[in-house]
Amino acid sequence: MTAVYGVAGQEGRTLTRALLTYACTHLWGAVPSQPLTYSPRGKPLFAQPGRWLSLSHSGGLAVCALSDCGPVGVDVELVRPHRPSLPRYALAPEELAQFDGTWSSFTRLWTLKESWCKREDSPLYPPRRAVMPPHCPHEAYHGGDWWAAVCCHGPAPGEIVWVPPSRLPPPHPHLERQG
């Protein structure tokens, strides 16, 4: 099963580890008994086999994906204007064919691409070479001024479980970034 949790607060970066603590406890009943490890590319990993996570933040949003089906990737981005040349630089031809010219469309496509790269722990740059294959189980989520996406093994969750900031516990020491 894969689940995606989200929180909206003052600064998403500061909320990710508390959200991860909440999500582990909510979905699995407890925080893993060993500290996180990291791939050579910096992706956080549970030391215990059979469980995967992914984190993302943008502005005042943080999201966390947990899975016991296989590696998972999640991304959230605020919709905002960028350099006009960015879509042609960042999107592969297959993705440009889906781009409608709006920053909302670009952000949706970008979050799908980034969630795929996070799932695979593969480089996102140069971005035109990172193309999400059509067979990836994924879901895109939209909230007015933001897009989020998850790419996972097995069925993607139909929605994000939103958690009020007041319900977040302090981050568990095993889930904090060490060093």
N, C-alpha and C. Protein backbone atom coordinates (compact mmCIF):
# COMPACT_ATOMS: atom_id res chain seq x y z
N MET A 1 0.85 -1.17 0.00
CA MET A 1 0.00 0.00 0.00
C MET A 1 0.90 1.24 0.00
N THR A 2 0.48 2.23 -0.75
CA THR A 2 1.16 3.53 -0.76
C THR A 2 0.19 4.57 -0.24
N ALA A 3 0.69 5.48 0.58
CA ALA A 3 -0.12 6.57 1.13
C ALA A 3 0.68 7.86 1.01
N VAL A 4 -0.02 8.96 0.76
CA VAL A 4 0.60 10.28 0.69
C VAL A 4 -0.04 11.17 1.75
N TYR A 5 0.81 11.82 2.55
CA TYR A 5 0.37 12.73 3.60
C TYR A 5 0.87 14.13 3.27
N GLY A 6 0.11 15.14 3.67
CA GLY A 6 0.53 16.51 3.42
C GLY A 6 0.19 17.41 4.59
N VAL A 7 0.91 18.53 4.66
CA VAL A 7 0.65 19.54 5.68
C VAL A 7 0.93 20.90 5.05
N ALA A 8 0.14 21.88 5.43
CA ALA A 8 0.35 23.26 5.00
C ALA A 8 0.67 24.07 6.24
N GLY A 9 1.78 24.78 6.20
CA GLY A 9 2.20 25.56 7.35
C GLY A 9 3.05 26.74 6.90
N GLN A 10 3.80 27.29 7.82
CA GLN A 10 4.60 28.47 7.50
C GLN A 10 5.76 28.15 6.57
N GLU A 11 6.46 27.07 6.79
CA GLU A 11 7.61 26.71 5.96
C GLU A 11 7.66 25.19 5.82
N GLY A 12 7.40 24.71 4.60
CA GLY A 12 7.32 23.27 4.37
C GLY A 12 8.57 22.52 4.75
N ARG A 13 9.74 23.10 4.53
CA ARG A 13 11.01 22.40 4.84
C ARG A 13 11.06 22.00 6.31
N THR A 14 10.58 22.87 7.18
CA THR A 14 10.66 22.58 8.62
C THR A 14 9.62 21.55 9.06
N LEU A 15 8.65 21.24 8.21
CA LEU A 15 7.57 20.33 8.59
C LEU A 15 7.77 18.89 8.11
N THR A 16 8.75 18.64 7.21
CA THR A 16 8.84 17.33 6.57
C THR A 16 9.10 16.20 7.57
N ARG A 17 10.00 16.38 8.52
CA ARG A 17 10.33 15.27 9.43
C ARG A 17 9.24 15.04 10.46
N ALA A 18 8.56 16.09 10.88
CA ALA A 18 7.41 15.90 11.77
C ALA A 18 6.28 15.19 11.02
N LEU A 19 6.09 15.56 9.75
CA LEU A 19 5.07 14.89 8.93
C LEU A 19 5.43 13.42 8.72
N LEU A 20 6.70 13.13 8.49
CA LEU A 20 7.14 11.73 8.35
C LEU A 20 6.88 10.96 9.64
N THR A 21 7.15 11.56 10.78
CA THR A 21 6.88 10.91 12.07
C THR A 21 5.39 10.59 12.18
N TYR A 22 4.55 11.57 11.87
CA TYR A 22 3.10 11.37 11.92
C TYR A 22 2.68 10.25 10.97
N ALA A 23 3.16 10.31 9.73
CA ALA A 23 2.74 9.35 8.70
C ALA A 23 3.12 7.93 9.08
N CYS A 24 4.34 7.72 9.56
CA CYS A 24 4.77 6.37 9.97
C CYS A 24 3.87 5.83 11.08
N THR A 25 3.59 6.67 12.05
CA THR A 25 2.75 6.25 13.17
C THR A 25 1.31 5.99 12.71
N HIS A 26 0.79 6.85 11.85
CA HIS A 26 -0.58 6.70 11.36
C HIS A 26 -0.74 5.46 10.49
N LEU A 27 0.20 5.25 9.55
CA LEU A 27 0.06 4.14 8.60
C LEU A 27 0.52 2.81 9.18
N TRP A 28 1.64 2.80 9.89
CA TRP A 28 2.26 1.56 10.34
C TRP A 28 2.22 1.35 11.84
N GLY A 29 1.70 2.31 12.59
CA GLY A 29 1.57 2.15 14.03
C GLY A 29 2.79 2.55 14.84
N ALA A 30 3.92 2.79 14.17
CA ALA A 30 5.13 3.15 14.90
C ALA A 30 6.17 3.70 13.93
N VAL A 31 7.11 4.41 14.47
CA VAL A 31 8.27 4.89 13.71
C VAL A 31 9.25 3.73 13.60
N PRO A 32 9.95 3.58 12.46
CA PRO A 32 10.93 2.50 12.35
C PRO A 32 11.94 2.52 13.50
N SER A 33 12.41 1.35 13.86
CA SER A 33 13.28 1.22 15.03
C SER A 33 14.73 1.59 14.75
N GLN A 34 15.08 1.83 13.51
CA GLN A 34 16.45 2.22 13.16
C GLN A 34 16.44 3.56 12.43
N PRO A 35 17.52 4.33 12.56
CA PRO A 35 17.59 5.63 11.87
C PRO A 35 17.56 5.46 10.36
N LEU A 36 17.16 6.53 9.67
CA LEU A 36 17.19 6.54 8.22
C LEU A 36 18.62 6.38 7.72
N THR A 37 18.75 5.78 6.55
CA THR A 37 20.01 5.76 5.83
C THR A 37 19.79 6.57 4.56
N TYR A 38 20.82 6.72 3.76
CA TYR A 38 20.70 7.53 2.55
C TYR A 38 21.42 6.85 1.40
N SER A 39 20.81 6.92 0.22
CA SER A 39 21.46 6.39 -0.98
C SER A 39 22.66 7.27 -1.32
N PRO A 40 23.54 6.82 -2.21
CA PRO A 40 24.66 7.67 -2.62
C PRO A 40 24.21 9.01 -3.21
N ARG A 41 22.99 9.07 -3.76
CA ARG A 41 22.46 10.32 -4.32
C ARG A 41 21.74 11.16 -3.27
N GLY A 42 21.61 10.64 -2.03
CA GLY A 42 21.00 11.41 -0.95
C GLY A 42 19.55 11.09 -0.67
N LYS A 43 18.98 10.09 -1.35
CA LYS A 43 17.58 9.73 -1.10
C LYS A 43 17.46 9.07 0.27
N PRO A 44 16.52 9.55 1.13
CA PRO A 44 16.33 8.90 2.43
C PRO A 44 15.73 7.51 2.26
N LEU A 45 16.22 6.58 3.07
CA LEU A 45 15.79 5.18 3.01
C LEU A 45 15.57 4.67 4.43
N PHE A 46 14.57 3.82 4.58
CA PHE A 46 14.40 3.10 5.84
C PHE A 46 15.45 1.99 5.88
N ALA A 47 16.04 1.75 7.03
CA ALA A 47 17.02 0.68 7.17
C ALA A 47 16.34 -0.69 7.11
N GLN A 48 15.09 -0.76 7.54
CA GLN A 48 14.35 -2.01 7.51
C GLN A 48 13.91 -2.31 6.07
N PRO A 49 14.07 -3.54 5.62
CA PRO A 49 13.60 -3.89 4.27
C PRO A 49 12.07 -3.87 4.20
N GLY A 50 11.57 -3.62 3.01
CA GLY A 50 10.13 -3.69 2.76
C GLY A 50 9.35 -2.42 3.02
N ARG A 51 10.06 -1.31 3.29
CA ARG A 51 9.38 -0.02 3.49
C ARG A 51 10.17 1.07 2.79
N TRP A 52 9.43 1.99 2.14
CA TRP A 52 10.05 3.06 1.38
C TRP A 52 9.38 4.38 1.70
N LEU A 53 10.11 5.48 1.47
CA LEU A 53 9.57 6.81 1.71
C LEU A 53 10.09 7.79 0.68
N SER A 54 9.40 8.92 0.58
CA SER A 54 9.84 10.05 -0.22
C SER A 54 9.26 11.30 0.41
N LEU A 55 10.05 12.39 0.37
CA LEU A 55 9.65 13.66 0.97
C LEU A 55 9.79 14.77 -0.05
N SER A 56 8.96 15.81 0.10
CA SER A 56 9.10 17.00 -0.74
C SER A 56 8.48 18.18 0.00
N HIS A 57 8.94 19.38 -0.36
CA HIS A 57 8.37 20.60 0.20
C HIS A 57 8.50 21.71 -0.82
N SER A 58 7.60 22.66 -0.72
CA SER A 58 7.63 23.86 -1.56
C SER A 58 6.83 24.94 -0.85
N GLY A 59 7.45 26.08 -0.63
CA GLY A 59 6.76 27.14 0.10
C GLY A 59 6.30 26.63 1.45
N GLY A 60 5.03 26.79 1.75
CA GLY A 60 4.47 26.35 3.01
C GLY A 60 3.89 24.95 2.98
N LEU A 61 4.20 24.16 1.97
CA LEU A 61 3.67 22.81 1.84
C LEU A 61 4.76 21.76 2.04
N ALA A 62 4.40 20.66 2.66
CA ALA A 62 5.27 19.48 2.76
C ALA A 62 4.41 18.26 2.47
N VAL A 63 4.99 17.30 1.76
CA VAL A 63 4.31 16.03 1.49
C VAL A 63 5.27 14.89 1.79
N CYS A 64 4.70 13.76 2.13
CA CYS A 64 5.44 12.56 2.49
C CYS A 64 4.69 11.38 1.87
N ALA A 65 5.41 10.52 1.17
CA ALA A 65 4.83 9.28 0.64
C ALA A 65 5.49 8.10 1.33
N LEU A 66 4.68 7.15 1.75
CA LEU A 66 5.16 5.91 2.36
C LEU A 66 4.62 4.74 1.55
N SER A 67 5.41 3.69 1.45
CA SER A 67 4.97 2.53 0.69
C SER A 67 5.58 1.26 1.27
N ASP A 68 4.81 0.18 1.21
CA ASP A 68 5.35 -1.14 1.50
C ASP A 68 5.25 -2.02 0.25
N CYS A 69 5.04 -1.37 -0.92
CA CYS A 69 4.94 -2.07 -2.21
C CYS A 69 6.21 -1.96 -3.05
N GLY A 70 7.08 -1.03 -2.71
CA GLY A 70 8.29 -0.80 -3.50
C GLY A 70 8.66 0.66 -3.43
N PRO A 71 9.77 1.03 -4.07
CA PRO A 71 10.21 2.42 -4.03
C PRO A 71 9.10 3.38 -4.46
N VAL A 72 9.13 4.56 -3.88
CA VAL A 72 8.11 5.57 -4.12
C VAL A 72 8.79 6.92 -4.28
N GLY A 73 8.18 7.80 -5.07
CA GLY A 73 8.67 9.16 -5.21
C GLY A 73 7.50 10.12 -5.12
N VAL A 74 7.71 11.26 -4.47
CA VAL A 74 6.67 12.27 -4.35
C VAL A 74 7.30 13.63 -4.58
N ASP A 75 6.52 14.54 -5.16
CA ASP A 75 6.98 15.91 -5.34
C ASP A 75 5.79 16.84 -5.18
N VAL A 76 6.05 18.02 -4.65
CA VAL A 76 5.06 19.10 -4.56
C VAL A 76 5.75 20.38 -5.00
N GLU A 77 5.05 21.20 -5.76
CA GLU A 77 5.60 22.47 -6.25
C GLU A 77 4.49 23.51 -6.28
N LEU A 78 4.83 24.71 -5.85
CA LEU A 78 3.92 25.84 -6.03
C LEU A 78 3.91 26.23 -7.50
N VAL A 79 2.75 26.62 -8.00
CA VAL A 79 2.66 27.13 -9.38
C VAL A 79 3.14 28.57 -9.36
N ARG A 80 4.15 28.85 -10.17
CA ARG A 80 4.67 30.21 -10.24
C ARG A 80 5.32 30.41 -11.60
N PRO A 81 5.41 31.65 -12.05
CA PRO A 81 6.06 31.89 -13.34
C PRO A 81 7.57 31.65 -13.28
N HIS A 82 8.11 31.25 -14.39
CA HIS A 82 9.54 30.99 -14.55
C HIS A 82 10.02 31.68 -15.83
N ARG A 83 11.28 31.49 -16.15
CA ARG A 83 11.78 31.98 -17.45
C ARG A 83 10.94 31.37 -18.56
N PRO A 84 10.59 32.14 -19.58
CA PRO A 84 9.78 31.59 -20.67
C PRO A 84 10.42 30.39 -21.37
N SER A 85 11.75 30.28 -21.35
CA SER A 85 12.43 29.18 -22.04
C SER A 85 12.46 27.89 -21.21
N LEU A 86 12.03 27.93 -19.96
CA LEU A 86 12.15 26.75 -19.09
C LEU A 86 11.41 25.52 -19.62
N PRO A 87 10.17 25.62 -20.08
CA PRO A 87 9.50 24.40 -20.55
C PRO A 87 10.28 23.67 -21.66
N ARG A 88 10.82 24.40 -22.61
CA ARG A 88 11.59 23.74 -23.68
C ARG A 88 12.89 23.13 -23.15
N TYR A 89 13.46 23.75 -22.13
CA TYR A 89 14.68 23.21 -21.53
C TYR A 89 14.38 21.98 -20.67
N ALA A 90 13.29 22.02 -19.92
CA ALA A 90 13.03 21.01 -18.89
C ALA A 90 12.19 19.83 -19.34
N LEU A 91 11.36 20.00 -20.35
CA LEU A 91 10.43 18.94 -20.74
C LEU A 91 10.92 18.20 -21.98
N ALA A 92 10.84 16.89 -21.92
CA ALA A 92 11.16 16.05 -23.07
C ALA A 92 10.08 16.24 -24.14
N PRO A 93 10.37 15.89 -25.40
CA PRO A 93 9.37 16.07 -26.46
C PRO A 93 8.01 15.45 -26.13
N GLU A 94 8.00 14.27 -25.51
CA GLU A 94 6.73 13.62 -25.16
C GLU A 94 5.96 14.45 -24.14
N GLU A 95 6.68 15.10 -23.24
CA GLU A 95 6.04 15.93 -22.22
C GLU A 95 5.60 17.27 -22.81
N LEU A 96 6.41 17.83 -23.70
CA LEU A 96 6.02 19.08 -24.37
C LEU A 96 4.72 18.91 -25.14
N ALA A 97 4.48 17.71 -25.67
CA ALA A 97 3.23 17.45 -26.39
C ALA A 97 2.02 17.55 -25.48
N GLN A 98 2.21 17.39 -24.16
CA GLN A 98 1.11 17.50 -23.19
C GLN A 98 1.02 18.87 -22.56
N PHE A 99 2.00 19.73 -22.81
CA PHE A 99 2.10 21.05 -22.20
C PHE A 99 1.16 22.02 -22.92
N ASP A 100 0.29 22.70 -22.15
CA ASP A 100 -0.69 23.61 -22.77
C ASP A 100 -0.25 25.08 -22.74
N GLY A 101 0.98 25.33 -22.30
CA GLY A 101 1.50 26.69 -22.30
C GLY A 101 1.31 27.46 -21.00
N THR A 102 0.63 26.86 -20.03
CA THR A 102 0.42 27.56 -18.75
C THR A 102 1.43 27.07 -17.71
N TRP A 103 1.69 27.89 -16.71
CA TRP A 103 2.59 27.48 -15.64
C TRP A 103 1.97 26.38 -14.79
N SER A 104 0.66 26.31 -14.73
CA SER A 104 0.01 25.21 -14.02
C SER A 104 0.30 23.89 -14.73
N SER A 105 0.19 23.88 -16.05
CA SER A 105 0.48 22.67 -16.82
C SER A 105 1.94 22.27 -16.66
N PHE A 106 2.85 23.24 -16.73
CA PHE A 106 4.26 22.94 -16.56
C PHE A 106 4.51 22.32 -15.18
N THR A 107 3.92 22.90 -14.15
CA THR A 107 4.13 22.41 -12.79
C THR A 107 3.60 21.00 -12.63
N ARG A 108 2.46 20.70 -13.23
CA ARG A 108 1.91 19.33 -13.17
C ARG A 108 2.89 18.35 -13.82
N LEU A 109 3.37 18.68 -15.00
CA LEU A 109 4.30 17.79 -15.70
C LEU A 109 5.62 17.65 -14.93
N TRP A 110 6.09 18.76 -14.37
CA TRP A 110 7.35 18.71 -13.61
C TRP A 110 7.23 17.82 -12.39
N THR A 111 6.11 17.93 -11.64
CA THR A 111 5.98 17.10 -10.44
C THR A 111 5.90 15.61 -10.81
N LEU A 112 5.26 15.30 -11.93
CA LEU A 112 5.23 13.90 -12.37
C LEU A 112 6.64 13.42 -12.70
N LYS A 113 7.42 14.24 -13.41
CA LYS A 113 8.78 13.88 -13.77
C LYS A 113 9.64 13.72 -12.52
N GLU A 114 9.55 14.68 -11.61
CA GLU A 114 10.40 14.61 -10.41
C GLU A 114 10.01 13.44 -9.52
N SER A 115 8.72 13.13 -9.42
CA SER A 115 8.32 11.98 -8.59
C SER A 115 8.87 10.68 -9.19
N TRP A 116 8.90 10.57 -10.51
CA TRP A 116 9.48 9.39 -11.17
C TRP A 116 10.98 9.29 -10.84
N CYS A 117 11.70 10.40 -10.98
CA CYS A 117 13.14 10.38 -10.70
C CYS A 117 13.42 10.04 -9.24
N LYS A 118 12.58 10.54 -8.34
CA LYS A 118 12.76 10.20 -6.92
C LYS A 118 12.49 8.72 -6.68
N ARG A 119 11.46 8.20 -7.30
CA ARG A 119 11.16 6.77 -7.14
C ARG A 119 12.35 5.93 -7.59
N GLU A 120 12.92 6.28 -8.72
CA GLU A 120 14.02 5.52 -9.28
C GLU A 120 15.38 5.89 -8.70
N ASP A 121 15.44 6.98 -7.90
CA ASP A 121 16.70 7.52 -7.38
C ASP A 121 17.66 7.78 -8.54
N SER A 122 17.11 8.40 -9.58
CA SER A 122 17.89 8.69 -10.79
C SER A 122 18.02 10.20 -10.98
N PRO A 123 19.03 10.63 -11.72
CA PRO A 123 19.26 12.07 -11.88
C PRO A 123 18.11 12.76 -12.62
N LEU A 124 17.84 13.95 -12.19
CA LEU A 124 16.82 14.78 -12.84
C LEU A 124 17.45 15.69 -13.90
N TYR A 125 18.75 15.79 -13.89
CA TYR A 125 19.43 16.69 -14.83
C TYR A 125 20.36 15.91 -15.73
N PRO A 126 20.40 16.25 -17.01
CA PRO A 126 19.60 17.28 -17.65
C PRO A 126 18.14 16.83 -17.75
N PRO A 127 17.21 17.73 -17.43
CA PRO A 127 15.81 17.33 -17.29
C PRO A 127 15.15 16.78 -18.56
N ARG A 128 15.58 17.19 -19.74
CA ARG A 128 14.94 16.66 -20.95
C ARG A 128 15.20 15.18 -21.12
N ARG A 129 16.25 14.67 -20.50
CA ARG A 129 16.56 13.23 -20.62
C ARG A 129 15.80 12.39 -19.61
N ALA A 130 15.28 12.99 -18.57
CA ALA A 130 14.52 12.27 -17.55
C ALA A 130 13.05 12.28 -17.97
N VAL A 131 12.61 11.19 -18.53
CA VAL A 131 11.23 11.10 -19.03
C VAL A 131 10.50 10.02 -18.24
N MET A 132 9.39 10.40 -17.64
CA MET A 132 8.59 9.44 -16.90
C MET A 132 7.92 8.49 -17.89
N PRO A 133 8.17 7.17 -17.76
CA PRO A 133 7.52 6.24 -18.69
C PRO A 133 6.02 6.17 -18.44
N PRO A 134 5.26 5.89 -19.47
CA PRO A 134 3.80 5.88 -19.33
C PRO A 134 3.29 4.77 -18.42
N HIS A 135 4.08 3.73 -18.15
CA HIS A 135 3.60 2.62 -17.32
C HIS A 135 3.77 2.86 -15.82
N CYS A 136 4.33 3.99 -15.43
CA CYS A 136 4.53 4.25 -14.00
C CYS A 136 3.18 4.49 -13.32
N PRO A 137 2.85 3.71 -12.29
CA PRO A 137 1.63 4.02 -11.54
C PRO A 137 1.82 5.37 -10.84
N HIS A 138 1.03 6.32 -11.21
CA HIS A 138 1.19 7.65 -10.64
C HIS A 138 -0.16 8.32 -10.48
N GLU A 139 -0.13 9.39 -9.72
CA GLU A 139 -1.31 10.22 -9.52
C GLU A 139 -0.84 11.65 -9.36
N ALA A 140 -1.58 12.58 -9.94
CA ALA A 140 -1.31 14.00 -9.77
C ALA A 140 -2.42 14.60 -8.90
N TYR A 141 -2.05 15.54 -8.07
CA TYR A 141 -2.97 16.19 -7.13
C TYR A 141 -2.84 17.69 -7.34
N HIS A 142 -3.97 18.40 -7.26
CA HIS A 142 -3.97 19.84 -7.53
C HIS A 142 -4.70 20.57 -6.42
N GLY A 143 -4.15 21.71 -6.03
CA GLY A 143 -4.79 22.49 -4.98
C GLY A 143 -4.81 23.97 -5.25
N GLY A 144 -5.16 24.39 -6.45
CA GLY A 144 -5.24 25.82 -6.76
C GLY A 144 -3.91 26.40 -7.14
N ASP A 145 -3.03 26.66 -6.15
CA ASP A 145 -1.74 27.26 -6.47
C ASP A 145 -0.59 26.26 -6.34
N TRP A 146 -0.88 24.96 -6.35
CA TRP A 146 0.16 23.94 -6.27
C TRP A 146 -0.26 22.68 -7.00
N TRP A 147 0.74 21.89 -7.37
CA TRP A 147 0.56 20.54 -7.89
C TRP A 147 1.46 19.61 -7.09
N ALA A 148 1.02 18.39 -6.93
CA ALA A 148 1.84 17.33 -6.33
C ALA A 148 1.64 16.07 -7.15
N ALA A 149 2.61 15.17 -7.07
CA ALA A 149 2.50 13.89 -7.79
C ALA A 149 3.22 12.82 -7.01
N VAL A 150 2.72 11.59 -7.17
CA VAL A 150 3.37 10.42 -6.60
C VAL A 150 3.56 9.41 -7.72
N CYS A 151 4.69 8.72 -7.68
CA CYS A 151 4.97 7.62 -8.60
C CYS A 151 5.38 6.44 -7.72
N CYS A 152 4.73 5.31 -7.90
CA CYS A 152 4.92 4.21 -6.97
C CYS A 152 4.79 2.87 -7.69
N HIS A 153 4.91 1.81 -6.93
CA HIS A 153 4.61 0.46 -7.40
C HIS A 153 3.23 0.13 -6.85
N GLY A 154 2.40 -0.50 -7.64
CA GLY A 154 1.05 -0.78 -7.19
C GLY A 154 0.17 0.44 -7.36
N PRO A 155 -1.06 0.37 -6.92
CA PRO A 155 -1.99 1.47 -7.12
C PRO A 155 -1.55 2.74 -6.38
N ALA A 156 -1.67 3.85 -7.07
CA ALA A 156 -1.37 5.15 -6.45
C ALA A 156 -2.58 5.58 -5.63
N PRO A 157 -2.34 6.24 -4.49
CA PRO A 157 -3.48 6.70 -3.68
C PRO A 157 -4.26 7.77 -4.42
N GLY A 158 -5.55 7.77 -4.24
CA GLY A 158 -6.43 8.72 -4.92
C GLY A 158 -6.41 10.12 -4.33
N GLU A 159 -5.87 10.25 -3.12
CA GLU A 159 -5.85 11.57 -2.50
C GLU A 159 -4.71 11.68 -1.49
N ILE A 160 -4.42 12.90 -1.13
CA ILE A 160 -3.45 13.19 -0.08
C ILE A 160 -4.20 13.27 1.24
N VAL A 161 -3.67 12.66 2.28
CA VAL A 161 -4.22 12.77 3.63
C VAL A 161 -3.62 14.03 4.24
N TRP A 162 -4.44 15.07 4.37
CA TRP A 162 -3.95 16.35 4.91
C TRP A 162 -4.02 16.34 6.43
N VAL A 163 -2.94 16.76 7.04
CA VAL A 163 -2.80 16.76 8.49
C VAL A 163 -2.69 18.20 8.96
N PRO A 164 -3.51 18.63 9.92
CA PRO A 164 -3.34 19.98 10.47
C PRO A 164 -1.98 20.10 11.17
N PRO A 165 -1.29 21.21 11.02
CA PRO A 165 0.02 21.36 11.68
C PRO A 165 -0.04 21.11 13.19
N SER A 166 -1.16 21.44 13.80
CA SER A 166 -1.28 21.25 15.25
C SER A 166 -1.28 19.77 15.65
N ARG A 167 -1.53 18.85 14.72
CA ARG A 167 -1.54 17.41 15.02
C ARG A 167 -0.18 16.75 14.82
N LEU A 168 0.79 17.51 14.29
CA LEU A 168 2.11 16.93 14.05
C LEU A 168 2.88 16.79 15.36
N PRO A 169 3.45 15.61 15.59
CA PRO A 169 4.30 15.44 16.77
C PRO A 169 5.68 16.03 16.49
N PRO A 170 6.51 16.14 17.49
CA PRO A 170 7.90 16.52 17.22
C PRO A 170 8.55 15.44 16.33
N PRO A 171 9.48 15.81 15.49
CA PRO A 171 10.15 14.79 14.66
C PRO A 171 10.84 13.75 15.53
N HIS A 172 10.69 12.50 15.17
CA HIS A 172 11.36 11.42 15.89
C HIS A 172 12.85 11.44 15.55
N PRO A 173 13.72 11.24 16.53
CA PRO A 173 15.17 11.29 16.27
C PRO A 173 15.64 10.34 15.16
N HIS A 174 14.99 9.18 15.02
CA HIS A 174 15.38 8.24 13.95
C HIS A 174 15.08 8.78 12.56
N LEU A 175 14.20 9.78 12.47
CA LEU A 175 13.78 10.29 11.17
C LEU A 175 14.42 11.62 10.83
N GLU A 176 15.26 12.13 11.73
CA GLU A 176 15.97 13.38 11.47
C GLU A 176 17.16 13.12 10.57
N ARG A 177 17.51 14.10 9.78
CA ARG A 177 18.72 13.99 8.94
C ARG A 177 19.93 14.14 9.86
N GLN A 178 20.81 13.17 9.80
CA GLN A 178 22.02 13.21 10.63
C GLN A 178 23.15 13.88 9.86
N GLY A 179 23.91 14.72 10.53
CA GLY A 179 25.09 15.33 9.92
C GLY A 179 24.85 16.49 9.07
